[in-house]
N, C-alpha and C. Protein backbone atom coordinates (compact mmCIF):
# COMPACT_ATOMS: atom_id res chain seq x y z
N MET A 1 8.22 -35.16 -5.80
CA MET A 1 6.82 -35.16 -6.23
C MET A 1 5.98 -35.66 -5.19
N PRO A 2 4.75 -35.21 -4.91
CA PRO A 2 3.93 -35.61 -3.89
C PRO A 2 3.39 -37.00 -4.13
N GLU A 3 3.30 -37.76 -3.14
CA GLU A 3 2.75 -39.09 -3.30
C GLU A 3 1.77 -39.23 -2.32
N PRO A 4 0.55 -39.68 -2.80
CA PRO A 4 -0.50 -40.05 -1.54
C PRO A 4 -0.02 -41.03 -0.77
N ALA A 5 -0.06 -40.93 0.45
CA ALA A 5 0.31 -41.91 1.45
C ALA A 5 -0.75 -42.62 2.14
N ALA A 6 -1.94 -41.96 2.27
CA ALA A 6 -3.16 -42.75 2.74
C ALA A 6 -4.29 -41.69 2.63
N LYS A 7 -5.58 -42.24 2.67
CA LYS A 7 -6.61 -41.38 2.60
C LYS A 7 -7.22 -41.49 4.03
N SER A 8 -7.70 -40.55 4.49
CA SER A 8 -8.46 -40.49 5.94
C SER A 8 -9.70 -39.92 5.87
N GLY A 9 -10.51 -39.93 6.90
CA GLY A 9 -11.68 -39.25 7.10
C GLY A 9 -11.72 -37.81 6.91
N SER A 10 -10.53 -37.23 7.38
CA SER A 10 -10.36 -35.80 7.46
C SER A 10 -9.72 -35.19 6.17
N GLY A 11 -9.24 -36.10 5.32
CA GLY A 11 -8.59 -35.43 4.14
C GLY A 11 -7.54 -36.51 3.57
N LEU A 12 -6.85 -35.88 2.76
CA LEU A 12 -5.80 -36.82 1.90
C LEU A 12 -4.39 -36.48 2.46
N PHE A 13 -3.72 -37.50 2.85
CA PHE A 13 -2.31 -37.37 3.24
C PHE A 13 -1.39 -37.44 2.16
N LEU A 14 -0.41 -36.52 2.11
CA LEU A 14 0.46 -36.39 0.93
C LEU A 14 1.88 -36.14 1.63
N GLN A 15 2.65 -36.91 0.81
CA GLN A 15 4.32 -36.74 1.19
C GLN A 15 4.92 -35.95 0.09
N PHE A 16 5.72 -34.93 0.43
CA PHE A 16 6.32 -34.23 -0.60
C PHE A 16 7.83 -33.64 -0.09
N GLN A 17 8.50 -33.27 -1.05
CA GLN A 17 9.78 -32.53 -0.73
C GLN A 17 9.72 -31.20 -1.38
N THR A 18 10.55 -30.28 -0.70
CA THR A 18 10.64 -28.93 -1.29
C THR A 18 12.19 -28.56 -1.33
N THR A 19 12.38 -27.40 -2.00
CA THR A 19 13.87 -26.90 -1.94
C THR A 19 13.82 -25.45 -1.21
N LYS A 20 14.93 -24.93 -1.16
CA LYS A 20 14.90 -23.65 -0.55
C LYS A 20 14.19 -22.68 -1.14
N LEU A 21 14.05 -22.75 -2.54
CA LEU A 21 13.55 -21.76 -3.44
C LEU A 21 11.89 -22.07 -3.66
N ARG A 22 11.51 -23.28 -3.18
CA ARG A 22 10.07 -23.70 -3.51
C ARG A 22 9.20 -24.03 -2.32
N THR A 23 8.23 -23.24 -2.01
CA THR A 23 7.26 -23.69 -1.00
C THR A 23 6.58 -24.99 -1.27
N ALA A 24 5.86 -25.28 -0.20
CA ALA A 24 4.99 -26.51 -0.32
C ALA A 24 3.92 -26.25 -1.40
N THR A 25 3.18 -25.22 -1.36
CA THR A 25 2.14 -24.92 -2.52
C THR A 25 2.76 -24.92 -3.78
N ASP A 26 3.95 -24.43 -4.04
CA ASP A 26 4.53 -24.40 -5.25
C ASP A 26 4.72 -25.91 -5.77
N VAL A 27 5.24 -26.69 -5.02
CA VAL A 27 5.44 -28.20 -5.33
C VAL A 27 4.17 -28.73 -5.54
N LEU A 28 3.14 -28.52 -4.81
CA LEU A 28 1.88 -29.28 -4.99
C LEU A 28 1.27 -28.80 -6.24
N ALA A 29 1.28 -27.33 -6.63
CA ALA A 29 0.62 -26.99 -7.80
C ALA A 29 1.29 -27.58 -8.97
N GLU A 30 2.50 -27.66 -9.00
CA GLU A 30 3.24 -28.35 -10.12
C GLU A 30 2.71 -29.62 -10.49
N THR A 31 2.12 -30.29 -9.39
CA THR A 31 1.58 -31.68 -9.77
C THR A 31 0.11 -31.76 -9.89
N GLY A 32 -0.38 -30.56 -9.99
CA GLY A 32 -1.84 -30.47 -10.20
C GLY A 32 -2.81 -30.45 -8.88
N ILE A 33 -2.12 -30.21 -7.81
CA ILE A 33 -2.80 -30.11 -6.62
C ILE A 33 -3.02 -28.60 -6.07
N ALA A 34 -4.08 -28.04 -6.33
CA ALA A 34 -4.28 -26.54 -6.02
C ALA A 34 -4.68 -26.46 -4.50
N ILE A 35 -3.94 -25.73 -3.92
CA ILE A 35 -4.05 -25.27 -2.39
C ILE A 35 -4.65 -23.89 -2.57
N ASP A 36 -5.76 -23.68 -1.69
CA ASP A 36 -6.36 -22.53 -1.54
C ASP A 36 -5.25 -21.50 -0.74
N THR A 37 -4.95 -20.33 -1.35
CA THR A 37 -4.34 -19.37 -0.49
C THR A 37 -4.97 -17.97 -0.80
N LYS A 38 -4.80 -17.07 0.19
CA LYS A 38 -5.30 -15.76 -0.05
C LYS A 38 -4.15 -14.75 0.09
N CYS A 39 -3.08 -14.82 0.86
CA CYS A 39 -2.23 -13.82 1.00
C CYS A 39 -0.87 -14.34 0.06
N SER A 40 -0.61 -15.69 0.26
CA SER A 40 0.57 -16.22 -0.17
C SER A 40 1.84 -15.69 0.51
N GLY A 41 1.76 -15.12 1.72
CA GLY A 41 2.67 -14.62 2.52
C GLY A 41 2.86 -15.08 3.80
N GLY A 42 2.03 -16.04 4.07
CA GLY A 42 2.17 -16.71 5.44
C GLY A 42 1.56 -15.82 6.61
N ILE A 43 0.56 -15.08 6.22
CA ILE A 43 -0.03 -14.11 7.22
C ILE A 43 -1.44 -14.67 7.49
N CYS A 44 -2.29 -15.02 6.44
CA CYS A 44 -3.72 -15.10 6.73
C CYS A 44 -4.17 -16.50 7.32
N GLY A 45 -3.40 -17.55 6.96
CA GLY A 45 -3.77 -18.87 7.54
C GLY A 45 -4.53 -19.77 6.76
N VAL A 46 -5.06 -19.18 5.54
CA VAL A 46 -6.02 -20.01 4.78
C VAL A 46 -5.42 -21.24 4.34
N CYS A 47 -4.17 -21.37 3.96
CA CYS A 47 -3.64 -22.60 3.56
C CYS A 47 -3.00 -23.56 4.79
N LYS A 48 -3.41 -23.33 5.91
CA LYS A 48 -3.04 -24.16 7.06
C LYS A 48 -3.51 -25.53 6.97
N CYS A 49 -2.75 -26.59 7.25
CA CYS A 49 -3.16 -28.02 7.22
C CYS A 49 -2.41 -28.66 8.21
N GLY A 50 -2.75 -29.89 8.51
CA GLY A 50 -2.31 -30.81 9.42
C GLY A 50 -0.82 -31.45 9.00
N LEU A 51 0.12 -31.34 10.11
CA LEU A 51 1.52 -31.95 9.79
C LEU A 51 1.42 -33.29 10.39
N VAL A 52 1.46 -34.25 9.72
CA VAL A 52 1.61 -35.82 10.04
C VAL A 52 3.09 -36.21 10.64
N SER A 53 3.96 -35.80 9.69
CA SER A 53 5.41 -36.11 10.08
C SER A 53 6.23 -35.31 9.14
N GLY A 54 7.52 -35.41 9.75
CA GLY A 54 8.70 -34.58 9.10
C GLY A 54 9.05 -33.38 9.73
N LYS A 55 10.12 -32.84 9.33
CA LYS A 55 10.44 -31.54 9.99
C LYS A 55 10.37 -30.45 9.05
N VAL A 56 9.77 -29.05 9.48
CA VAL A 56 9.30 -28.11 8.70
C VAL A 56 10.05 -27.02 8.84
N GLU A 57 10.57 -26.24 7.76
CA GLU A 57 11.15 -24.92 7.81
C GLU A 57 9.92 -23.83 7.83
N HIS A 58 9.58 -23.49 8.91
CA HIS A 58 8.37 -22.51 8.90
C HIS A 58 8.80 -20.97 8.74
N GLN A 59 8.18 -20.37 7.75
CA GLN A 59 8.64 -19.05 7.36
C GLN A 59 7.20 -18.17 7.28
N GLU A 60 6.41 -18.36 8.28
CA GLU A 60 5.31 -17.66 8.36
C GLU A 60 4.93 -17.13 9.72
N PHE A 61 3.89 -16.32 9.91
CA PHE A 61 3.67 -15.48 11.18
C PHE A 61 2.42 -15.84 11.84
N VAL A 62 1.71 -16.94 11.49
CA VAL A 62 0.44 -17.36 11.99
C VAL A 62 0.43 -18.13 13.20
N LEU A 63 1.32 -19.25 13.06
CA LEU A 63 1.31 -20.30 14.02
C LEU A 63 2.14 -20.10 15.19
N SER A 64 1.76 -20.45 16.38
CA SER A 64 2.46 -20.30 17.67
C SER A 64 3.48 -21.49 17.59
N LYS A 65 4.40 -21.47 18.40
CA LYS A 65 5.39 -22.51 18.67
C LYS A 65 4.64 -23.84 18.94
N LYS A 66 3.75 -23.97 19.72
CA LYS A 66 2.97 -25.04 19.85
C LYS A 66 2.12 -25.62 18.69
N GLN A 67 1.43 -24.72 18.05
CA GLN A 67 0.80 -25.03 16.78
C GLN A 67 1.72 -25.66 15.69
N ARG A 68 2.90 -25.15 15.62
CA ARG A 68 3.87 -25.68 14.69
C ARG A 68 4.30 -27.13 14.85
N GLU A 69 3.90 -27.61 15.90
CA GLU A 69 4.17 -29.11 16.14
C GLU A 69 3.29 -30.09 15.42
N ASP A 70 2.13 -29.62 15.11
CA ASP A 70 1.10 -30.41 14.24
C ASP A 70 0.35 -29.75 13.07
N ALA A 71 1.09 -28.54 12.73
CA ALA A 71 0.15 -27.83 11.67
C ALA A 71 1.28 -27.12 10.70
N VAL A 72 0.97 -26.66 9.67
CA VAL A 72 1.94 -26.00 8.69
C VAL A 72 1.02 -25.10 7.73
N ILE A 73 1.75 -24.03 7.54
CA ILE A 73 1.14 -23.02 6.57
C ILE A 73 1.79 -23.32 5.26
N LEU A 74 1.17 -24.03 4.33
CA LEU A 74 1.77 -24.30 3.05
C LEU A 74 2.47 -23.33 2.28
N CYS A 75 1.96 -22.15 2.15
CA CYS A 75 2.30 -20.99 1.25
C CYS A 75 3.69 -20.52 1.55
N GLN A 76 4.24 -20.76 2.89
CA GLN A 76 5.57 -20.29 3.23
C GLN A 76 6.40 -21.45 3.83
N SER A 77 6.03 -22.60 3.67
CA SER A 77 6.73 -23.73 4.53
C SER A 77 7.49 -24.60 3.48
N ARG A 78 8.50 -25.15 4.06
CA ARG A 78 9.47 -25.89 3.18
C ARG A 78 9.89 -27.15 4.24
N ALA A 79 10.15 -28.33 3.53
CA ALA A 79 10.61 -29.44 4.16
C ALA A 79 12.00 -29.11 4.60
N ALA A 80 12.26 -29.41 5.93
CA ALA A 80 13.57 -29.03 6.56
C ALA A 80 14.71 -30.23 6.23
N GLU A 81 14.08 -31.28 5.66
CA GLU A 81 15.11 -32.61 5.63
C GLU A 81 14.66 -33.09 4.21
N GLU A 82 15.65 -33.89 3.65
CA GLU A 82 15.46 -34.43 2.28
C GLU A 82 14.23 -35.44 2.26
N SER A 83 14.09 -36.03 3.29
CA SER A 83 12.96 -37.07 3.45
C SER A 83 11.51 -36.35 3.27
N GLY A 84 11.51 -35.11 3.12
CA GLY A 84 10.13 -34.46 3.04
C GLY A 84 9.40 -34.35 4.29
N VAL A 85 8.07 -33.97 3.98
CA VAL A 85 6.99 -33.97 5.06
C VAL A 85 5.68 -34.71 4.51
N VAL A 86 4.95 -35.05 5.60
CA VAL A 86 3.69 -35.63 5.08
C VAL A 86 2.50 -34.74 5.91
N VAL A 87 1.74 -34.32 5.10
CA VAL A 87 0.67 -33.40 5.57
C VAL A 87 -0.77 -33.78 5.36
N ASP A 88 -1.87 -33.33 6.17
CA ASP A 88 -3.06 -33.95 5.98
C ASP A 88 -3.81 -32.72 5.45
N LEU A 89 -4.13 -32.83 4.15
CA LEU A 89 -4.84 -31.74 3.46
C LEU A 89 -6.17 -31.83 3.90
């Protein structure tokens, strides 16, 4: 379940875990946090947000290798480890 980690001037930081079958947007929606998406396929980049910490399993086509170091496309991304990820919405 997502847990607010801190509030910053740029947004809300959230920590959450996913599974192989559920994306970040799935997990966040289940807890009442709606994320804007357009394509839900990892192509448009509408749901891009900052990656604060954690390893991500990227399954999208928008971000370059460099961009994946500090950003995530929520509709197609999953936490790569059980500890989850922290994102800046």
